[in-house]
Amino acid sequence: MEKYRKQIVPNAKVELIHVSLDDEEADATKWALEGKFPWPTVLAEHYEETGLSEYGAFAGESFLVDSAGKIVTKDEKEAFSKIAALK
């Protein structure tokens, strides 16, 4: 959450999207509310229709994707380094 607050919130060029593996929307919503997650959450059942399935991501993975939809990196440390460089 700290990285999100420091590097993503103040940067209008970056958005975090979470894919929930919960089967029930109520479970995903409850978890997100309890965690006070401010980012958008996509249910796994809507994964295909959002276009996120093109990236083949699984729970716990971080991808940095540019505005054209190209994967910049799949490495979380490198992603946050690149995010920090965006101004």
C-alpha atoms as a PDB file:
ATOM      1  CA  MET A   1       0.000   0.000   0.000  1.00  0.00           C
ATOM      2  CA  GLU A   2       2.935   2.307   0.745  1.00  0.00           C
ATOM      3  CA  LYS A   3       4.342   1.988  -2.806  1.00  0.00           C
ATOM      4  CA  TYR A   4       0.875   2.662  -4.182  1.00  0.00           C
ATOM      5  CA  ARG A   5       0.458   5.821  -2.116  1.00  0.00           C
ATOM      6  CA  LYS A   6       3.935   7.156  -2.847  1.00  0.00           C
ATOM      7  CA  GLN A   7       4.390   6.270  -6.503  1.00  0.00           C
ATOM      8  CA  ILE A   8       1.048   5.609  -8.154  1.00  0.00           C
ATOM      9  CA  VAL A   9      -1.430   7.988  -6.499  1.00  0.00           C
ATOM     10  CA  PRO A  10       0.492  11.172  -7.342  1.00  0.00           C
ATOM     11  CA  ASN A  11       1.228  10.031 -10.903  1.00  0.00           C
ATOM     12  CA  ALA A  12      -1.647  10.594 -13.336  1.00  0.00           C
ATOM     13  CA  LYS A  13       0.211   8.508 -15.931  1.00  0.00           C
ATOM     14  CA  VAL A  14      -0.174   5.286 -13.906  1.00  0.00           C
ATOM     15  CA  GLU A  15      -3.148   3.215 -12.747  1.00  0.00           C
ATOM     16  CA  LEU A  16      -3.188   0.013 -10.736  1.00  0.00           C
ATOM     17  CA  ILE A  17      -5.843  -2.590 -11.604  1.00  0.00           C
ATOM     18  CA  HIS A  18      -6.418  -5.567  -9.340  1.00  0.00           C
ATOM     19  CA  VAL A  19      -7.816  -8.881 -10.582  1.00  0.00           C
ATOM     20  CA  SER A  20      -9.673 -10.729  -7.825  1.00  0.00           C
ATOM     21  CA  LEU A  21      -9.769 -14.500  -7.818  1.00  0.00           C
ATOM     22  CA  ASP A  22     -12.861 -14.508  -5.612  1.00  0.00           C
ATOM     23  CA  ASP A  23     -15.803 -16.378  -7.130  1.00  0.00           C
ATOM     24  CA  GLU A  24     -18.383 -14.091  -5.558  1.00  0.00           C
ATOM     25  CA  GLU A  25     -18.536 -10.356  -6.096  1.00  0.00           C
ATOM     26  CA  ALA A  26     -19.556  -9.877  -2.461  1.00  0.00           C
ATOM     27  CA  ASP A  27     -16.372 -11.632  -1.293  1.00  0.00           C
ATOM     28  CA  ALA A  28     -14.155  -9.495  -3.534  1.00  0.00           C
ATOM     29  CA  THR A  29     -15.937  -6.331  -2.450  1.00  0.00           C
ATOM     30  CA  LYS A  30     -15.677  -7.241   1.230  1.00  0.00           C
ATOM     31  CA  TRP A  31     -11.957  -7.975   0.913  1.00  0.00           C
ATOM     32  CA  ALA A  32     -11.298  -4.721  -0.976  1.00  0.00           C
ATOM     33  CA  LEU A  33     -13.272  -2.668   1.540  1.00  0.00           C
ATOM     34  CA  GLU A  34     -11.581  -4.296   4.535  1.00  0.00           C
ATOM     35  CA  GLY A  35      -8.192  -3.653   2.946  1.00  0.00           C
ATOM     36  CA  LYS A  36      -9.250  -0.102   2.030  1.00  0.00           C
ATOM     37  CA  PHE A  37      -8.020  -0.682  -1.516  1.00  0.00           C
ATOM     38  CA  PRO A  38      -8.661   2.452  -3.592  1.00  0.00           C
ATOM     39  CA  TRP A  39      -7.834   0.880  -6.950  1.00  0.00           C
ATOM     40  CA  PRO A  40     -10.325  -0.742  -9.339  1.00  0.00           C
ATOM     41  CA  THR A  41     -10.917  -4.462  -8.882  1.00  0.00           C
ATOM     42  CA  VAL A  42     -11.933  -6.761 -11.728  1.00  0.00           C
ATOM     43  CA  LEU A  43     -13.550 -10.082 -10.898  1.00  0.00           C
ATOM     44  CA  ALA A  44     -11.981 -13.140 -12.497  1.00  0.00           C
ATOM     45  CA  GLU A  45     -15.252 -13.836 -14.308  1.00  0.00           C
ATOM     46  CA  HIS A  46     -14.841 -10.495 -16.146  1.00  0.00           C
ATOM     47  CA  TYR A  47     -11.141 -11.011 -16.825  1.00  0.00           C
ATOM     48  CA  GLU A  48     -11.631 -11.885 -20.510  1.00  0.00           C
ATOM     49  CA  GLU A  49     -14.021  -9.048 -21.352  1.00  0.00           C
ATOM     50  CA  THR A  50     -11.728  -6.397 -19.852  1.00  0.00           C
ATOM     51  CA  GLY A  51      -8.856  -7.417 -22.127  1.00  0.00           C
ATOM     52  CA  LEU A  52      -6.612  -8.226 -19.171  1.00  0.00           C
ATOM     53  CA  SER A  53      -6.460 -11.888 -20.192  1.00  0.00           C
ATOM     54  CA  GLU A  54      -4.161 -10.872 -23.063  1.00  0.00           C
ATOM     55  CA  TYR A  55      -1.392 -10.454 -20.508  1.00  0.00           C
ATOM     56  CA  GLY A  56      -1.697 -13.915 -18.941  1.00  0.00           C
ATOM     57  CA  ALA A  57      -1.258 -12.565 -15.423  1.00  0.00           C
ATOM     58  CA  PHE A  58      -1.922 -14.636 -12.333  1.00  0.00           C
ATOM     59  CA  ALA A  59      -2.613 -13.683  -8.731  1.00  0.00           C
ATOM     60  CA  GLY A  60       0.318 -11.897  -7.168  1.00  0.00           C
ATOM     61  CA  GLU A  61       1.914 -10.838 -10.439  1.00  0.00           C
ATOM     62  CA  SER A  62       2.675  -7.247 -11.340  1.00  0.00           C
ATOM     63  CA  PHE A  63       2.810  -6.086 -14.934  1.00  0.00           C
ATOM     64  CA  LEU A  64       3.610  -2.603 -16.144  1.00  0.00           C
ATOM     65  CA  VAL A  65       1.747  -1.964 -19.390  1.00  0.00           C
ATOM     66  CA  ASP A  66       2.092   1.180 -21.485  1.00  0.00           C
ATOM     67  CA  SER A  67      -0.793   3.211 -22.906  1.00  0.00           C
ATOM     68  CA  ALA A  68      -0.619   1.211 -26.159  1.00  0.00           C
ATOM     69  CA  GLY A  69      -1.148  -2.038 -24.231  1.00  0.00           C
ATOM     70  CA  LYS A  70       2.446  -3.260 -24.579  1.00  0.00           C
ATOM     71  CA  ILE A  71       4.015  -4.976 -21.573  1.00  0.00           C
ATOM     72  CA  VAL A  72       6.945  -2.876 -20.385  1.00  0.00           C
ATOM     73  CA  THR A  73       8.012  -5.296 -17.642  1.00  0.00           C
ATOM     74  CA  LYS A  74       6.735  -8.196 -15.567  1.00  0.00           C
ATOM     75  CA  ASP A  75       9.201  -7.480 -12.775  1.00  0.00           C
ATOM     76  CA  GLU A  76       7.672  -5.580  -9.835  1.00  0.00           C
ATOM     77  CA  LYS A  77      10.934  -3.904  -8.770  1.00  0.00           C
ATOM     78  CA  GLU A  78      11.637  -2.751 -12.320  1.00  0.00           C
ATOM     79  CA  ALA A  79       8.023  -1.606 -12.729  1.00  0.00           C
ATOM     80  CA  PHE A  80       8.205   0.645  -9.678  1.00  0.00           C
ATOM     81  CA  SER A  81      11.582   1.956 -10.808  1.00  0.00           C
ATOM     82  CA  LYS A  82      10.092   2.904 -14.187  1.00  0.00           C
ATOM     83  CA  ILE A  83       7.004   4.395 -12.495  1.00  0.00           C
ATOM     84  CA  ALA A  84       9.234   6.558 -10.287  1.00  0.00           C
ATOM     85  CA  ALA A  85      10.963   7.873 -13.417  1.00  0.00           C
ATOM     86  CA  LEU A  86       7.660   8.986 -14.973  1.00  0.00           C
ATOM     87  CA  LYS A  87       6.976  12.628 -14.261  1.00  0.00           C
END
